Amino acid sequence: MKSIIFVPLKDYFISRKKVFIKFLVPMLIALAALLLAICFNIGNSKKVLVTFSRFIGTQINIVAILISFSVAIITILVSADNKNIQHLKETESNKKQYKPVNGRQLSLFQILLSNIAYNVIIEIIYLVGLITLSLVQNLLPIETLKYITTICIFIILHILFVLLESVAQMYLTFWANKK
């Protein structure tokens, strides 16, 4: 049975060309952070655990705010009914950047909505992972925390880059409509 929850994830990946780029930059930054963590000792295990705990706590707050922001954007997009939104729904996306889904080129509205829906799903999955980490962090070896921190840096940067892309798309769309 297909889960409807993951449909936006699938659509996001099949409609984007060069989607790997959205993963490449966060991965390079996360790997640089890992190399620094491996090369430099930041303290004893108690200090590392406290720092990691604060890092996870801060991220839980940030991701919860991002989820709220993203859901608010979706609400505004789907409930607004003005000429700008109508224009977004009627304008096809750039064929150089986006592939057709089910034989149809997506509209700018669908691209924007899929970006934000993708982000919300990733943010919720990540939030659940962070809450789980906060509960089991004392059971994990200290060295493992460096690798988990690297994964956290990668995911949060990926979320932020996709969110920035969505904001830029909205800006450029409405800016172009003013001409």
N, C-alpha and C. Protein backbone atom coordinates (compact mmCIF):
# COMPACT_ATOMS: atom_id res chain seq x y z
N MET A 1 0.83 -1.18 0.00
CA MET A 1 0.00 0.00 0.00
C MET A 1 0.88 1.25 0.00
N LYS A 2 0.59 2.15 -0.90
CA LYS A 2 1.34 3.40 -0.97
C LYS A 2 0.88 4.33 0.13
N SER A 3 1.82 5.00 0.73
CA SER A 3 1.47 5.98 1.75
C SER A 3 1.40 7.36 1.11
N ILE A 4 0.29 8.03 1.35
CA ILE A 4 0.08 9.36 0.77
C ILE A 4 1.07 10.37 1.35
N ILE A 5 1.60 10.09 2.52
CA ILE A 5 2.53 11.00 3.18
C ILE A 5 3.78 11.23 2.34
N PHE A 6 4.22 10.19 1.65
CA PHE A 6 5.48 10.29 0.93
C PHE A 6 5.32 10.68 -0.55
N VAL A 7 4.10 10.92 -1.00
CA VAL A 7 3.86 11.35 -2.38
C VAL A 7 4.59 12.66 -2.68
N PRO A 8 4.53 13.67 -1.79
CA PRO A 8 5.28 14.90 -2.09
C PRO A 8 6.80 14.68 -2.21
N LEU A 9 7.33 13.74 -1.44
CA LEU A 9 8.76 13.44 -1.55
C LEU A 9 9.08 12.86 -2.92
N LYS A 10 8.27 11.90 -3.34
CA LYS A 10 8.46 11.28 -4.65
C LYS A 10 8.33 12.32 -5.76
N ASP A 11 7.28 13.12 -5.71
CA ASP A 11 7.07 14.14 -6.74
C ASP A 11 8.20 15.16 -6.77
N TYR A 12 8.70 15.50 -5.60
CA TYR A 12 9.81 16.46 -5.51
C TYR A 12 11.02 15.92 -6.29
N PHE A 13 11.37 14.67 -6.05
CA PHE A 13 12.56 14.11 -6.68
C PHE A 13 12.37 13.83 -8.16
N ILE A 14 11.18 13.40 -8.58
CA ILE A 14 11.01 13.10 -10.01
C ILE A 14 10.81 14.35 -10.85
N SER A 15 10.45 15.47 -10.22
CA SER A 15 10.20 16.69 -11.00
C SER A 15 11.42 17.60 -11.09
N ARG A 16 12.46 17.32 -10.33
CA ARG A 16 13.64 18.20 -10.33
C ARG A 16 14.76 17.63 -11.18
N LYS A 17 15.40 18.52 -11.92
CA LYS A 17 16.64 18.16 -12.61
C LYS A 17 17.77 18.63 -11.70
N LYS A 18 18.86 17.91 -11.70
CA LYS A 18 20.05 18.24 -10.90
C LYS A 18 19.71 18.40 -9.40
N VAL A 19 18.87 17.50 -8.89
CA VAL A 19 18.47 17.57 -7.49
C VAL A 19 19.66 17.29 -6.56
N PHE A 20 20.67 16.60 -7.06
CA PHE A 20 21.84 16.28 -6.25
C PHE A 20 22.55 17.53 -5.74
N ILE A 21 22.44 18.64 -6.45
CA ILE A 21 23.11 19.88 -6.04
C ILE A 21 22.58 20.36 -4.70
N LYS A 22 21.28 20.13 -4.46
CA LYS A 22 20.68 20.55 -3.19
C LYS A 22 21.21 19.74 -2.01
N PHE A 23 21.88 18.63 -2.33
CA PHE A 23 22.47 17.79 -1.29
C PHE A 23 23.98 17.99 -1.21
N LEU A 24 24.59 18.42 -2.30
CA LEU A 24 26.04 18.50 -2.38
C LEU A 24 26.64 19.54 -1.42
N VAL A 25 26.14 20.75 -1.45
CA VAL A 25 26.70 21.82 -0.61
C VAL A 25 26.53 21.50 0.88
N PRO A 26 25.33 21.11 1.34
CA PRO A 26 25.22 20.74 2.76
C PRO A 26 26.13 19.58 3.14
N MET A 27 26.31 18.63 2.22
CA MET A 27 27.17 17.49 2.52
C MET A 27 28.63 17.93 2.66
N LEU A 28 29.09 18.81 1.80
CA LEU A 28 30.47 19.30 1.88
C LEU A 28 30.70 20.06 3.19
N ILE A 29 29.75 20.89 3.58
CA ILE A 29 29.89 21.64 4.84
C ILE A 29 29.87 20.69 6.02
N ALA A 30 28.98 19.71 5.99
CA ALA A 30 28.89 18.73 7.09
C ALA A 30 30.18 17.90 7.19
N LEU A 31 30.73 17.51 6.05
CA LEU A 31 31.99 16.75 6.07
C LEU A 31 33.15 17.59 6.58
N ALA A 32 33.16 18.88 6.25
CA ALA A 32 34.19 19.77 6.79
C ALA A 32 34.07 19.87 8.31
N ALA A 33 32.83 19.95 8.80
CA ALA A 33 32.61 19.98 10.26
C ALA A 33 33.07 18.68 10.91
N LEU A 34 32.82 17.55 10.24
CA LEU A 34 33.27 16.26 10.77
C LEU A 34 34.79 16.19 10.84
N LEU A 35 35.45 16.65 9.78
CA LEU A 35 36.91 16.64 9.78
C LEU A 35 37.47 17.49 10.91
N LEU A 36 36.87 18.65 11.14
CA LEU A 36 37.31 19.51 12.24
C LEU A 36 37.08 18.83 13.59
N ALA A 37 35.94 18.15 13.72
CA ALA A 37 35.63 17.46 14.98
C ALA A 37 36.58 16.31 15.23
N ILE A 38 36.99 15.62 14.17
CA ILE A 38 37.92 14.50 14.31
C ILE A 38 39.33 15.01 14.63
N CYS A 39 39.73 16.09 13.99
CA CYS A 39 41.08 16.63 14.17
C CYS A 39 41.28 17.33 15.51
N PHE A 40 40.25 18.01 15.98
CA PHE A 40 40.38 18.78 17.21
C PHE A 40 39.52 18.19 18.31
N ASN A 41 40.14 17.96 19.44
CA ASN A 41 39.42 17.43 20.60
C ASN A 41 38.77 18.61 21.33
N ILE A 42 37.45 18.56 21.51
CA ILE A 42 36.77 19.71 22.12
C ILE A 42 36.58 19.56 23.63
N GLY A 43 37.07 18.49 24.19
CA GLY A 43 36.96 18.36 25.64
C GLY A 43 36.66 16.94 26.07
N ASN A 44 36.41 16.80 27.36
CA ASN A 44 36.12 15.47 27.90
C ASN A 44 34.71 15.03 27.50
N SER A 45 34.39 13.78 27.83
CA SER A 45 33.11 13.23 27.40
C SER A 45 31.91 13.95 28.01
N LYS A 46 32.05 14.44 29.23
CA LYS A 46 30.94 15.17 29.86
C LYS A 46 30.66 16.47 29.09
N LYS A 47 31.71 17.19 28.73
CA LYS A 47 31.55 18.44 27.99
C LYS A 47 30.94 18.17 26.61
N VAL A 48 31.38 17.11 25.94
CA VAL A 48 30.85 16.75 24.63
C VAL A 48 29.37 16.42 24.74
N LEU A 49 28.99 15.67 25.76
CA LEU A 49 27.60 15.29 25.94
C LEU A 49 26.72 16.51 26.22
N VAL A 50 27.21 17.43 27.04
CA VAL A 50 26.44 18.65 27.33
C VAL A 50 26.29 19.51 26.07
N THR A 51 27.38 19.66 25.32
CA THR A 51 27.33 20.43 24.08
C THR A 51 26.37 19.80 23.09
N PHE A 52 26.45 18.48 22.94
CA PHE A 52 25.56 17.77 22.03
C PHE A 52 24.10 17.93 22.45
N SER A 53 23.86 17.83 23.73
CA SER A 53 22.50 17.96 24.26
C SER A 53 21.93 19.36 23.95
N ARG A 54 22.74 20.37 24.14
CA ARG A 54 22.30 21.75 23.82
C ARG A 54 22.06 21.91 22.32
N PHE A 55 22.93 21.32 21.53
CA PHE A 55 22.81 21.37 20.07
C PHE A 55 21.48 20.75 19.63
N ILE A 56 21.16 19.59 20.17
CA ILE A 56 19.90 18.91 19.83
C ILE A 56 18.71 19.73 20.31
N GLY A 57 18.78 20.26 21.52
CA GLY A 57 17.69 21.08 22.06
C GLY A 57 17.43 22.33 21.22
N THR A 58 18.50 22.97 20.82
CA THR A 58 18.36 24.16 19.97
C THR A 58 17.74 23.80 18.63
N GLN A 59 18.18 22.70 18.06
CA GLN A 59 17.63 22.28 16.77
C GLN A 59 16.15 21.92 16.86
N ILE A 60 15.75 21.29 17.96
CA ILE A 60 14.33 20.96 18.14
C ILE A 60 13.50 22.23 18.08
N ASN A 61 13.96 23.28 18.76
CA ASN A 61 13.24 24.56 18.73
C ASN A 61 13.22 25.16 17.33
N ILE A 62 14.36 25.15 16.66
CA ILE A 62 14.47 25.73 15.32
C ILE A 62 13.57 24.99 14.33
N VAL A 63 13.62 23.67 14.37
CA VAL A 63 12.83 22.88 13.42
C VAL A 63 11.34 23.05 13.69
N ALA A 64 10.96 23.13 14.95
CA ALA A 64 9.53 23.36 15.27
C ALA A 64 9.06 24.71 14.70
N ILE A 65 9.90 25.72 14.80
CA ILE A 65 9.56 27.03 14.22
C ILE A 65 9.50 26.94 12.70
N LEU A 66 10.44 26.24 12.09
CA LEU A 66 10.44 26.08 10.63
C LEU A 66 9.20 25.35 10.14
N ILE A 67 8.77 24.33 10.89
CA ILE A 67 7.55 23.61 10.53
C ILE A 67 6.36 24.56 10.55
N SER A 68 6.27 25.36 11.59
CA SER A 68 5.17 26.33 11.69
C SER A 68 5.21 27.32 10.54
N PHE A 69 6.38 27.81 10.21
CA PHE A 69 6.55 28.75 9.11
C PHE A 69 6.14 28.11 7.78
N SER A 70 6.59 26.90 7.55
CA SER A 70 6.29 26.21 6.29
C SER A 70 4.80 25.90 6.16
N VAL A 71 4.19 25.46 7.24
CA VAL A 71 2.74 25.18 7.20
C VAL A 71 1.97 26.48 6.95
N ALA A 72 2.43 27.58 7.54
CA ALA A 72 1.78 28.87 7.31
C ALA A 72 1.87 29.27 5.85
N ILE A 73 3.01 29.03 5.22
CA ILE A 73 3.18 29.35 3.79
C ILE A 73 2.22 28.51 2.95
N ILE A 74 2.12 27.22 3.26
CA ILE A 74 1.19 26.36 2.53
C ILE A 74 -0.24 26.86 2.68
N THR A 75 -0.60 27.24 3.90
CA THR A 75 -1.95 27.74 4.17
C THR A 75 -2.23 28.99 3.35
N ILE A 76 -1.28 29.89 3.32
CA ILE A 76 -1.45 31.12 2.55
C ILE A 76 -1.58 30.81 1.06
N LEU A 77 -0.72 29.93 0.56
CA LEU A 77 -0.75 29.61 -0.87
C LEU A 77 -2.07 28.96 -1.30
N VAL A 78 -2.53 27.98 -0.53
CA VAL A 78 -3.72 27.25 -0.98
C VAL A 78 -5.02 28.00 -0.68
N SER A 79 -4.98 28.95 0.24
CA SER A 79 -6.21 29.67 0.56
C SER A 79 -6.32 31.01 -0.18
N ALA A 80 -5.21 31.51 -0.68
CA ALA A 80 -5.24 32.80 -1.39
C ALA A 80 -5.86 32.61 -2.77
N ASP A 81 -6.63 33.58 -3.16
CA ASP A 81 -7.24 33.54 -4.48
C ASP A 81 -7.19 34.94 -5.08
N ASN A 82 -6.01 35.27 -5.60
CA ASN A 82 -5.86 36.57 -6.25
C ASN A 82 -5.16 36.37 -7.59
N LYS A 83 -4.93 37.46 -8.29
CA LYS A 83 -4.37 37.34 -9.64
C LYS A 83 -2.94 36.78 -9.63
N ASN A 84 -2.17 37.06 -8.58
CA ASN A 84 -0.80 36.52 -8.52
C ASN A 84 -0.81 35.00 -8.37
N ILE A 85 -1.66 34.50 -7.50
CA ILE A 85 -1.77 33.05 -7.32
C ILE A 85 -2.31 32.40 -8.58
N GLN A 86 -3.27 33.02 -9.20
CA GLN A 86 -3.83 32.50 -10.45
C GLN A 86 -2.75 32.45 -11.52
N HIS A 87 -1.94 33.49 -11.57
CA HIS A 87 -0.83 33.53 -12.54
C HIS A 87 0.16 32.39 -12.27
N LEU A 88 0.46 32.13 -10.99
CA LEU A 88 1.34 31.02 -10.63
C LEU A 88 0.77 29.69 -11.11
N LYS A 89 -0.54 29.52 -10.97
CA LYS A 89 -1.19 28.27 -11.36
C LYS A 89 -1.21 28.09 -12.88
N GLU A 90 -1.23 29.19 -13.60
CA GLU A 90 -1.34 29.13 -15.06
C GLU A 90 0.02 29.10 -15.77
N THR A 91 1.08 29.49 -15.09
CA THR A 91 2.40 29.58 -15.71
C THR A 91 3.17 28.28 -15.54
N GLU A 92 3.62 27.73 -16.65
CA GLU A 92 4.42 26.50 -16.60
C GLU A 92 5.80 26.78 -16.03
N SER A 93 6.34 25.78 -15.36
CA SER A 93 7.69 25.91 -14.82
C SER A 93 8.72 25.80 -15.94
N ASN A 94 9.93 26.21 -15.62
CA ASN A 94 11.03 26.20 -16.57
C ASN A 94 11.42 24.76 -16.91
N LYS A 95 11.36 24.41 -18.18
CA LYS A 95 11.65 23.04 -18.62
C LYS A 95 13.12 22.67 -18.46
N LYS A 96 13.99 23.67 -18.32
CA LYS A 96 15.41 23.40 -18.11
C LYS A 96 15.69 22.95 -16.68
N GLN A 97 14.84 23.38 -15.74
CA GLN A 97 15.06 23.05 -14.33
C GLN A 97 14.15 21.95 -13.81
N TYR A 98 12.96 21.81 -14.41
CA TYR A 98 11.96 20.89 -13.87
C TYR A 98 11.46 19.93 -14.93
N LYS A 99 11.36 18.66 -14.55
CA LYS A 99 10.87 17.62 -15.45
C LYS A 99 9.35 17.49 -15.32
N PRO A 100 8.70 17.03 -16.38
CA PRO A 100 7.25 16.78 -16.30
C PRO A 100 6.95 15.64 -15.32
N VAL A 101 5.78 15.70 -14.71
CA VAL A 101 5.31 14.63 -13.83
C VAL A 101 4.03 14.10 -14.44
N ASN A 102 3.98 12.78 -14.63
CA ASN A 102 2.82 12.13 -15.27
C ASN A 102 2.51 12.76 -16.63
N GLY A 103 3.57 13.11 -17.37
CA GLY A 103 3.40 13.64 -18.72
C GLY A 103 3.04 15.12 -18.81
N ARG A 104 2.94 15.80 -17.67
CA ARG A 104 2.57 17.23 -17.67
C ARG A 104 3.65 18.06 -17.00
N GLN A 105 3.96 19.18 -17.63
CA GLN A 105 4.89 20.14 -17.02
C GLN A 105 4.17 20.81 -15.85
N LEU A 106 4.83 20.87 -14.71
CA LEU A 106 4.21 21.46 -13.53
C LEU A 106 4.12 22.97 -13.66
N SER A 107 3.13 23.53 -12.99
CA SER A 107 3.00 24.99 -12.95
C SER A 107 3.95 25.53 -11.87
N LEU A 108 4.18 26.82 -11.90
CA LEU A 108 5.01 27.45 -10.87
C LEU A 108 4.39 27.25 -9.49
N PHE A 109 3.08 27.28 -9.42
CA PHE A 109 2.37 27.05 -8.17
C PHE A 109 2.67 25.64 -7.63
N GLN A 110 2.61 24.65 -8.51
CA GLN A 110 2.89 23.27 -8.10
C GLN A 110 4.34 23.09 -7.66
N ILE A 111 5.25 23.75 -8.35
CA ILE A 111 6.66 23.68 -7.96
C ILE A 111 6.86 24.27 -6.57
N LEU A 112 6.30 25.43 -6.34
CA LEU A 112 6.42 26.10 -5.05
C LEU A 112 5.77 25.26 -3.95
N LEU A 113 4.60 24.75 -4.22
CA LEU A 113 3.89 23.93 -3.24
C LEU A 113 4.65 22.63 -2.96
N SER A 114 5.23 22.04 -4.00
CA SER A 114 5.98 20.79 -3.77
C SER A 114 7.26 21.05 -2.98
N ASN A 115 7.91 22.19 -3.21
CA ASN A 115 9.09 22.55 -2.41
C ASN A 115 8.73 22.63 -0.93
N ILE A 116 7.65 23.33 -0.65
CA ILE A 116 7.29 23.56 0.74
C ILE A 116 6.75 22.28 1.39
N ALA A 117 5.95 21.50 0.64
CA ALA A 117 5.44 20.24 1.17
C ALA A 117 6.60 19.28 1.46
N TYR A 118 7.56 19.22 0.54
CA TYR A 118 8.76 18.40 0.74
C TYR A 118 9.47 18.83 2.03
N ASN A 119 9.63 20.13 2.18
CA ASN A 119 10.32 20.65 3.36
C ASN A 119 9.57 20.29 4.65
N VAL A 120 8.25 20.43 4.65
CA VAL A 120 7.47 20.11 5.85
C VAL A 120 7.66 18.65 6.24
N ILE A 121 7.59 17.76 5.26
CA ILE A 121 7.74 16.33 5.56
C ILE A 121 9.14 16.04 6.10
N ILE A 122 10.16 16.59 5.46
CA ILE A 122 11.53 16.39 5.93
C ILE A 122 11.70 16.97 7.33
N GLU A 123 11.14 18.15 7.57
CA GLU A 123 11.24 18.80 8.89
C GLU A 123 10.57 17.95 9.97
N ILE A 124 9.41 17.39 9.68
CA ILE A 124 8.70 16.58 10.67
C ILE A 124 9.48 15.30 10.97
N ILE A 125 9.96 14.64 9.92
CA ILE A 125 10.77 13.42 10.12
C ILE A 125 12.01 13.75 10.93
N TYR A 126 12.64 14.87 10.61
CA TYR A 126 13.85 15.29 11.32
C TYR A 126 13.53 15.62 12.78
N LEU A 127 12.41 16.28 13.02
CA LEU A 127 12.02 16.61 14.40
C LEU A 127 11.82 15.34 15.22
N VAL A 128 11.18 14.34 14.64
CA VAL A 128 11.00 13.06 15.34
C VAL A 128 12.36 12.44 15.64
N GLY A 129 13.27 12.51 14.66
CA GLY A 129 14.63 11.99 14.88
C GLY A 129 15.36 12.74 15.98
N LEU A 130 15.20 14.06 16.03
CA LEU A 130 15.86 14.86 17.07
C LEU A 130 15.31 14.53 18.46
N ILE A 131 14.00 14.37 18.54
CA ILE A 131 13.40 14.01 19.83
C ILE A 131 13.90 12.64 20.28
N THR A 132 13.98 11.71 19.34
CA THR A 132 14.52 10.38 19.64
C THR A 132 15.97 10.49 20.12
N LEU A 133 16.76 11.29 19.41
CA LEU A 133 18.17 11.49 19.80
C LEU A 133 18.28 12.07 21.21
N SER A 134 17.41 13.01 21.53
CA SER A 134 17.48 13.62 22.86
C SER A 134 17.19 12.60 23.96
N LEU A 135 16.41 11.58 23.62
CA LEU A 135 16.08 10.55 24.61
C LEU A 135 17.15 9.47 24.74
N VAL A 136 17.87 9.19 23.65
CA VAL A 136 18.84 8.09 23.67
C VAL A 136 20.29 8.54 23.66
N GLN A 137 20.54 9.84 23.70
CA GLN A 137 21.91 10.32 23.56
C GLN A 137 22.85 9.79 24.64
N ASN A 138 22.35 9.55 25.83
CA ASN A 138 23.21 9.04 26.91
C ASN A 138 23.61 7.59 26.69
N LEU A 139 22.93 6.90 25.81
CA LEU A 139 23.25 5.50 25.53
C LEU A 139 24.29 5.34 24.43
N LEU A 140 24.56 6.42 23.71
CA LEU A 140 25.46 6.36 22.56
C LEU A 140 26.91 6.66 22.97
N PRO A 141 27.87 6.00 22.31
CA PRO A 141 29.27 6.32 22.57
C PRO A 141 29.58 7.77 22.15
N ILE A 142 30.50 8.39 22.85
CA ILE A 142 30.85 9.80 22.59
C ILE A 142 31.32 9.99 21.15
N GLU A 143 32.12 9.09 20.62
CA GLU A 143 32.62 9.23 19.25
C GLU A 143 31.48 9.23 18.23
N THR A 144 30.42 8.50 18.52
CA THR A 144 29.28 8.45 17.62
C THR A 144 28.59 9.80 17.51
N LEU A 145 28.65 10.59 18.57
CA LEU A 145 27.99 11.90 18.58
C LEU A 145 28.56 12.83 17.51
N LYS A 146 29.85 12.69 17.20
CA LYS A 146 30.46 13.51 16.14
C LYS A 146 29.81 13.21 14.79
N TYR A 147 29.57 11.93 14.54
CA TYR A 147 28.96 11.53 13.27
C TYR A 147 27.48 11.93 13.22
N ILE A 148 26.81 11.81 14.34
CA ILE A 148 25.41 12.22 14.40
C ILE A 148 25.30 13.73 14.20
N THR A 149 26.23 14.48 14.78
CA THR A 149 26.25 15.93 14.61
C THR A 149 26.45 16.29 13.14
N THR A 150 27.30 15.54 12.46
CA THR A 150 27.53 15.76 11.03
C THR A 150 26.24 15.56 10.24
N ILE A 151 25.52 14.50 10.56
CA ILE A 151 24.25 14.22 9.89
C ILE A 151 23.25 15.34 10.19
N CYS A 152 23.22 15.80 11.42
CA CYS A 152 22.31 16.90 11.80
C CYS A 152 22.64 18.18 11.03
N ILE A 153 23.92 18.49 10.92
CA ILE A 153 24.34 19.69 10.16
C ILE A 153 23.90 19.56 8.71
N PHE A 154 24.12 18.38 8.13
CA PHE A 154 23.71 18.15 6.75
C PHE A 154 22.20 18.36 6.57
N ILE A 155 21.39 17.75 7.43
CA ILE A 155 19.93 17.82 7.27
C ILE A 155 19.43 19.25 7.47
N ILE A 156 19.92 19.93 8.49
CA ILE A 156 19.42 21.29 8.76
C ILE A 156 19.82 22.23 7.61
N LEU A 157 21.01 22.07 7.08
CA LEU A 157 21.43 22.91 5.95
C LEU A 157 20.60 22.59 4.70
N HIS A 158 20.31 21.33 4.48
CA HIS A 158 19.48 20.96 3.34
C HIS A 158 18.09 21.59 3.47
N ILE A 159 17.51 21.51 4.65
CA ILE A 159 16.19 22.11 4.90
C ILE A 159 16.24 23.61 4.64
N LEU A 160 17.27 24.26 5.15
CA LEU A 160 17.38 25.71 4.97
C LEU A 160 17.58 26.10 3.51
N PHE A 161 18.37 25.33 2.77
CA PHE A 161 18.58 25.63 1.35
C PHE A 161 17.29 25.47 0.54
N VAL A 162 16.52 24.43 0.82
CA VAL A 162 15.25 24.24 0.10
C VAL A 162 14.29 25.36 0.47
N LEU A 163 14.29 25.76 1.74
CA LEU A 163 13.43 26.86 2.18
C LEU A 163 13.84 28.17 1.51
N LEU A 164 15.14 28.42 1.44
CA LEU A 164 15.61 29.62 0.75
C LEU A 164 15.23 29.62 -0.73
N GLU A 165 15.29 28.45 -1.34
CA GLU A 165 14.88 28.35 -2.74
C GLU A 165 13.39 28.69 -2.88
N SER A 166 12.57 28.23 -1.95
CA SER A 166 11.13 28.53 -2.00
C SER A 166 10.87 30.02 -1.83
N VAL A 167 11.57 30.63 -0.91
CA VAL A 167 11.41 32.07 -0.68
C VAL A 167 11.86 32.84 -1.93
N ALA A 168 12.96 32.45 -2.52
CA ALA A 168 13.44 33.11 -3.74
C ALA A 168 12.46 32.94 -4.89
N GLN A 169 11.86 31.74 -5.00
CA GLN A 169 10.87 31.52 -6.05
C GLN A 169 9.67 32.43 -5.87
N MET A 170 9.20 32.55 -4.63
CA MET A 170 8.06 33.43 -4.36
C MET A 170 8.42 34.87 -4.69
N TYR A 171 9.58 35.29 -4.26
CA TYR A 171 10.02 36.66 -4.50
C TYR A 171 10.08 36.96 -5.99
N LEU A 172 10.78 36.10 -6.73
CA LEU A 172 10.94 36.33 -8.17
C LEU A 172 9.62 36.27 -8.91
N THR A 173 8.74 35.40 -8.48
CA THR A 173 7.43 35.29 -9.13
C THR A 173 6.64 36.57 -8.96
N PHE A 174 6.55 37.04 -7.74
CA PHE A 174 5.74 38.24 -7.50
C PHE A 174 6.45 39.50 -7.98
N TRP A 175 7.76 39.51 -8.00
CA TRP A 175 8.51 40.65 -8.51
C TRP A 175 8.29 40.76 -10.03
N ALA A 176 8.36 39.60 -10.70
CA ALA A 176 8.17 39.59 -12.15
C ALA A 176 6.76 40.03 -12.53
N ASN A 177 5.78 39.74 -11.67
CA ASN A 177 4.39 40.11 -11.98
C ASN A 177 4.15 41.61 -11.87
N LYS A 178 5.03 42.32 -11.20
CA LYS A 178 4.84 43.75 -11.03
C LYS A 178 5.17 44.53 -12.29
N LYS A 179 5.90 43.94 -13.22
CA LYS A 179 6.31 44.64 -14.44
C LYS A 179 5.18 44.82 -15.40
